[in-house]
Protein backbone atom coordinates (compact mmCIF):
# COMPACT_ATOMS: atom_id res chain seq x y z
CA UNK A 1 -31.73 -13.97 -2.11
CA UNK A 2 -33.27 -17.39 -2.87
CA UNK A 3 -31.27 -20.23 -4.45
CA UNK A 4 -33.22 -19.82 -7.70
CA UNK A 5 -32.57 -16.06 -7.79
CA UNK A 6 -28.91 -16.61 -6.99
CA UNK A 7 -28.51 -19.16 -9.80
CA UNK A 8 -30.27 -16.81 -12.24
CA UNK A 9 -27.99 -13.97 -11.17
CA UNK A 10 -24.90 -16.17 -11.68
CA UNK A 11 -26.06 -17.20 -15.14
CA UNK A 12 -26.68 -13.60 -16.17
CA UNK A 13 -23.26 -12.68 -14.79
CA UNK A 14 -21.67 -15.48 -16.82
CA UNK A 15 -23.36 -14.33 -20.02
CA UNK A 16 -22.28 -10.75 -19.42
CA UNK A 17 -18.66 -11.81 -18.79
CA UNK A 18 -18.48 -14.15 -21.81
CA UNK A 19 -15.88 -16.66 -20.63
CA UNK A 20 -15.05 -17.71 -24.19
CA UNK A 21 -14.11 -14.15 -25.06
CA UNK A 22 -12.01 -13.85 -21.92
CA UNK A 23 -9.99 -16.90 -22.94
CA UNK A 24 -9.03 -15.14 -26.16
CA UNK A 25 -7.59 -12.17 -24.29
CA UNK A 26 -3.86 -12.37 -23.55
CA UNK A 27 -4.30 -10.48 -20.30
CA UNK A 28 -6.31 -13.30 -18.73
CA UNK A 29 -4.13 -15.99 -17.18
CA UNK A 30 -5.27 -19.58 -16.72
CA UNK A 31 -5.31 -19.04 -12.95
CA UNK A 32 -7.64 -16.08 -13.23
CA UNK A 33 -9.94 -17.83 -15.70
CA UNK A 34 -10.17 -20.84 -13.42
CA UNK A 35 -11.20 -18.66 -10.49
CA UNK A 36 -13.68 -16.60 -12.51
CA UNK A 37 -15.42 -19.70 -13.86
CA UNK A 38 -15.42 -21.43 -10.47
CA UNK A 39 -16.82 -18.31 -8.80
CA UNK A 40 -19.66 -18.01 -11.31
CA UNK A 41 -20.54 -21.69 -10.95
CA UNK A 42 -20.33 -21.52 -7.17
CA UNK A 43 -17.54 -24.12 -7.03
CA UNK A 44 -14.94 -24.43 -4.30
CA UNK A 45 -11.58 -22.85 -5.06
CA UNK A 46 -8.39 -24.47 -3.83
CA UNK A 47 -6.03 -22.51 -1.62
CA UNK A 48 -3.25 -23.02 -4.16
CA UNK A 49 -5.33 -21.58 -7.02
CA UNK A 50 -6.28 -18.58 -4.93
CA UNK A 51 -2.66 -17.97 -3.90
CA UNK A 52 -1.77 -17.29 -7.56
CA UNK A 53 -3.98 -14.19 -7.51
CA UNK A 54 -2.88 -12.79 -4.15
CA UNK A 55 -0.49 -9.82 -3.97
CA UNK A 56 3.16 -10.40 -3.19
CA UNK A 57 3.87 -9.38 0.40
CA UNK A 58 6.67 -6.83 0.35
CA UNK A 59 8.34 -4.66 2.96
CA UNK A 60 10.30 -2.13 0.96
CA UNK A 61 13.41 -0.51 2.46
CA UNK A 62 16.20 1.62 1.03
CA UNK A 63 18.20 -1.58 0.54
CA UNK A 64 15.68 -2.78 -2.07
CA UNK A 65 16.45 0.21 -4.32
CA UNK A 66 19.13 0.25 -6.99
CA UNK A 67 22.27 2.25 -6.31
CA UNK A 68 21.14 4.96 -8.74
CA UNK A 69 17.61 5.17 -7.29
CA UNK A 70 18.91 5.33 -3.75
CA UNK A 71 21.41 8.08 -4.59
CA UNK A 72 18.75 10.20 -6.31
CA UNK A 73 16.22 9.81 -3.48
CA UNK A 74 18.84 10.42 -0.80
CA UNK A 75 19.57 13.82 -2.37
CA UNK A 76 15.84 14.62 -2.44
CA UNK A 77 15.45 13.54 1.18
CA UNK A 78 18.52 15.50 2.28
CA UNK A 79 17.13 18.63 0.59
CA UNK A 80 13.85 18.20 2.46
CA UNK A 81 15.50 18.13 5.89
CA UNK A 82 15.20 21.23 8.11
CA UNK A 83 18.36 23.00 9.26
CA UNK A 84 17.74 22.04 12.89
CA UNK A 85 18.90 18.43 12.27
CA UNK A 86 22.41 19.83 12.70
CA UNK A 87 21.58 20.94 16.23
CA UNK A 88 22.67 18.36 18.87
CA UNK A 89 19.96 19.53 21.29
CA UNK A 90 17.20 18.30 18.92
CA UNK A 91 18.28 14.74 19.76
CA UNK A 92 17.29 15.25 23.37
CA UNK A 93 13.64 15.11 24.33
CA UNK A 94 12.65 18.37 26.07
CA UNK A 95 11.88 18.19 29.77
CA UNK A 96 9.26 20.92 29.58
CA UNK A 97 5.87 19.48 28.66
CA UNK A 98 5.07 22.59 26.61
CA UNK A 99 8.02 21.85 24.31
CA UNK A 100 7.49 18.10 23.88
CA UNK A 101 4.61 18.48 21.39
CA UNK A 102 6.69 20.69 19.10
CA UNK A 103 9.64 18.27 19.34
CA UNK A 104 7.42 15.32 18.40
CA UNK A 105 5.80 17.24 15.54
CA UNK A 106 9.20 18.14 14.11
CA UNK A 107 10.53 14.57 14.11
CA UNK A 108 7.20 13.11 12.98
CA UNK A 109 7.33 15.28 9.86
CA UNK A 110 10.74 13.77 9.02
CA UNK A 111 9.42 10.20 9.42
CA UNK A 112 6.58 11.04 7.01
CA UNK A 113 8.94 12.65 4.49
CA UNK A 114 11.33 9.70 4.73
CA UNK A 115 8.50 7.21 4.10
CA UNK A 116 7.02 9.28 1.26
CA UNK A 117 10.26 9.99 -0.60
CA UNK A 118 11.55 6.40 -0.40
CA UNK A 119 8.01 5.02 -0.99
CA UNK A 120 8.02 2.93 2.18
CA UNK A 121 4.63 1.91 3.57
CA UNK A 122 5.91 -0.08 6.55
CA UNK A 123 8.82 1.11 8.67
CA UNK A 124 10.91 -0.79 11.18
CA UNK A 125 11.96 1.42 14.11
CA UNK A 126 15.24 -0.47 14.50
CA UNK A 127 16.13 0.15 10.85
CA UNK A 128 15.05 3.78 10.73
CA UNK A 129 17.35 4.53 13.69
CA UNK A 130 20.29 3.70 11.41
CA UNK A 131 19.19 6.23 8.79
CA UNK A 132 20.30 9.87 8.65
CA UNK A 133 19.20 12.10 10.37
CA UNK A 134 17.93 9.71 13.07
CA UNK A 135 21.53 8.52 13.22
CA UNK A 136 23.50 11.68 12.63
CA UNK A 137 27.18 10.85 12.24
CA UNK A 138 28.04 14.51 11.60
CA UNK A 139 27.21 15.56 15.16
CA UNK A 140 27.56 12.09 16.68
CA UNK A 141 23.91 11.96 17.78
CA UNK A 142 21.37 9.17 17.43
CA UNK A 143 17.74 8.81 18.40
CA UNK A 144 17.15 6.17 21.06
CA UNK A 145 14.77 3.29 20.46
CA UNK A 146 12.40 4.76 23.06
CA UNK A 147 12.46 8.17 21.36
CA UNK A 148 11.82 6.65 17.92
CA UNK A 149 8.84 4.70 19.25
CA UNK A 150 7.49 7.82 20.91
CA UNK A 151 7.69 9.70 17.59
CA UNK A 152 5.81 6.92 15.80
CA UNK A 153 3.31 6.87 18.67
CA UNK A 154 2.70 10.54 17.94
CA UNK A 155 1.96 9.68 14.30
CA UNK A 156 -0.44 6.97 15.49
CA UNK A 157 -2.28 9.55 17.60
CA UNK A 158 -2.48 11.78 14.51
CA UNK A 159 -4.09 8.84 12.61
CA UNK A 160 -1.31 8.73 10.02
CA UNK A 161 0.33 5.57 11.37
CA UNK A 162 -0.64 2.24 12.91
CA UNK A 163 1.47 -0.20 14.90
CA UNK A 164 1.47 -3.65 13.30
CA UNK A 165 2.75 -5.19 16.53
CA UNK A 166 1.29 -3.35 19.53
CA UNK A 167 3.31 -5.35 22.08
CA UNK A 168 6.81 -4.88 20.68
CA UNK A 169 6.16 -1.70 18.67
CA UNK A 170 8.73 -2.57 16.07
CA UNK A 171 6.87 -2.26 12.75
CA UNK A 172 4.40 0.46 11.80
CA UNK A 173 2.26 1.19 8.77
CA UNK A 174 2.79 4.82 7.74
CA UNK A 175 -0.08 6.55 5.92
CA UNK A 176 1.78 9.32 4.08
CA UNK A 177 -1.09 9.18 1.61
CA UNK A 178 -4.66 8.10 2.37
CA UNK A 179 -6.22 4.98 0.87
CA UNK A 180 -8.76 7.25 -0.83
CA UNK A 181 -5.88 9.00 -2.62
CA UNK A 182 -4.35 5.65 -3.58
CA UNK A 183 -7.70 4.57 -5.05
CA UNK A 184 -7.76 7.69 -7.24
CA UNK A 185 -4.11 7.13 -8.26
CA UNK A 186 -4.77 3.50 -9.15
CA UNK A 187 -7.80 4.36 -11.30
CA UNK A 188 -5.96 7.22 -13.03
CA UNK A 189 -3.09 4.87 -13.87
CA UNK A 190 -5.46 2.27 -15.31
CA UNK A 191 -7.13 4.88 -17.50
CA UNK A 192 -3.90 6.54 -18.66
CA UNK A 193 -2.25 3.22 -19.58
CA UNK A 194 -5.34 1.64 -21.15
CA UNK A 195 -5.36 -1.15 -18.56
CA UNK A 196 -8.84 -0.14 -17.48
CA UNK A 197 -10.26 -2.54 -20.08
CA UNK A 198 -8.33 -5.51 -18.65
CA UNK A 199 -9.09 -7.87 -15.78
CA UNK A 200 -6.56 -7.81 -12.93
CA UNK A 201 -5.75 -10.00 -9.97
CA UNK A 202 -4.30 -8.48 -6.81
CA UNK A 203 -1.07 -10.21 -7.79
CA UNK A 204 -1.08 -8.30 -11.11
CA UNK A 205 -1.58 -4.98 -9.33
CA UNK A 206 1.33 -5.69 -6.98
CA UNK A 207 3.62 -6.20 -10.01
CA UNK A 208 2.92 -2.91 -11.82
CA UNK A 209 5.78 -1.02 -10.16
CA UNK A 210 3.64 1.88 -9.01
CA UNK A 211 3.76 3.50 -5.58
CA UNK A 212 0.52 1.71 -4.65
CA UNK A 213 1.83 -1.64 -5.92
CA UNK A 214 3.78 -2.14 -2.68
CA UNK A 215 0.82 -1.39 -0.41
CA UNK A 216 0.23 -4.05 2.25
CA UNK A 217 -2.24 -6.67 0.96
CA UNK A 218 -5.02 -5.55 3.33
CA UNK A 219 -4.71 -1.95 2.17
CA UNK A 220 -4.61 -2.92 -1.51
CA UNK A 221 -7.90 -4.77 -1.02
CA UNK A 222 -9.39 -1.74 0.77
CA UNK A 223 -8.28 0.51 -2.11
CA UNK A 224 -9.93 -1.80 -4.66
CA UNK A 225 -13.05 -2.02 -2.49
CA UNK A 226 -13.31 1.77 -2.60
CA UNK A 227 -13.35 1.64 -6.40
CA UNK A 228 -16.03 -1.05 -6.28
CA UNK A 229 -18.13 1.12 -3.96
CA UNK A 230 -17.75 3.98 -6.43
CA UNK A 231 -19.12 1.58 -9.05
CA UNK A 232 -16.12 1.99 -11.35
CA UNK A 233 -14.97 -1.59 -10.71
CA UNK A 234 -16.35 -4.94 -9.56
CA UNK A 235 -14.98 -8.08 -7.97
CA UNK A 236 -15.10 -11.14 -10.18
CA UNK A 237 -14.76 -13.68 -7.40
CA UNK A 238 -16.18 -13.89 -3.89
CA UNK A 239 -12.67 -14.08 -2.41
CA UNK A 240 -12.03 -10.55 -3.78
CA UNK A 241 -8.73 -11.25 -5.49
CA UNK A 242 -9.77 -10.50 -9.10
CA UNK A 243 -11.14 -7.14 -10.17
CA UNK A 244 -12.63 -5.81 -13.39
CA UNK A 245 -12.92 -2.10 -14.07
CA UNK A 246 -16.25 -0.82 -15.38
CA UNK A 247 -14.69 0.95 -18.36
CA UNK A 248 -18.07 2.10 -19.68
CA UNK A 249 -18.64 3.99 -16.39
CA UNK A 250 -15.13 5.40 -16.18
CA UNK A 251 -15.08 7.29 -19.48
């Protein structure tokens, strides 16, 4: 695209957005307006301004939940556990190769259920080893660090997990729901709550207290990008931190 064409495109984009109208909307913060205007005019954006629109980096654990939330989810998790967690022999990795796969599958399913029920996107293998049933005080059995890593490795091979630190293998991103599913959930929420007509920064999305709000920043961007590719949303700045839903194409 030539410079002339680019400038024309920016001007048309500015007219379509109507900055003056945006300023009258309560949903548009000064930080977002500043970035939208700067983006349209092709101006440089300071790192500090951009930071105001970035999602809050969170690593949710059971500790972050209220006492009531934790108690409710612990009951749900306990109900989901198979009866074999009471068996001491399930805490010993089988020696027969033919039985190892089944053992890994069984424990992997529990890691997924644990992450899904407590809405945890990133797990720490050291922390999860302290959680029942990985640490089973009733039969005095506990998964070793090596075993826990091997279970997560199995999830990685199944493409439902990814190590965030390949060398130490301490933290892993668990995909108990695909990014495609999160994209659908996010759009449904925006439509159901009427927020589809608003403009949102990634920071805003991370504050909405939805299951996708705590997604790692990279995944949240990927989820939004999927909606842009579906042409039901568009980025309002080149840094891809502010998104506008195409409400006329959604309904």
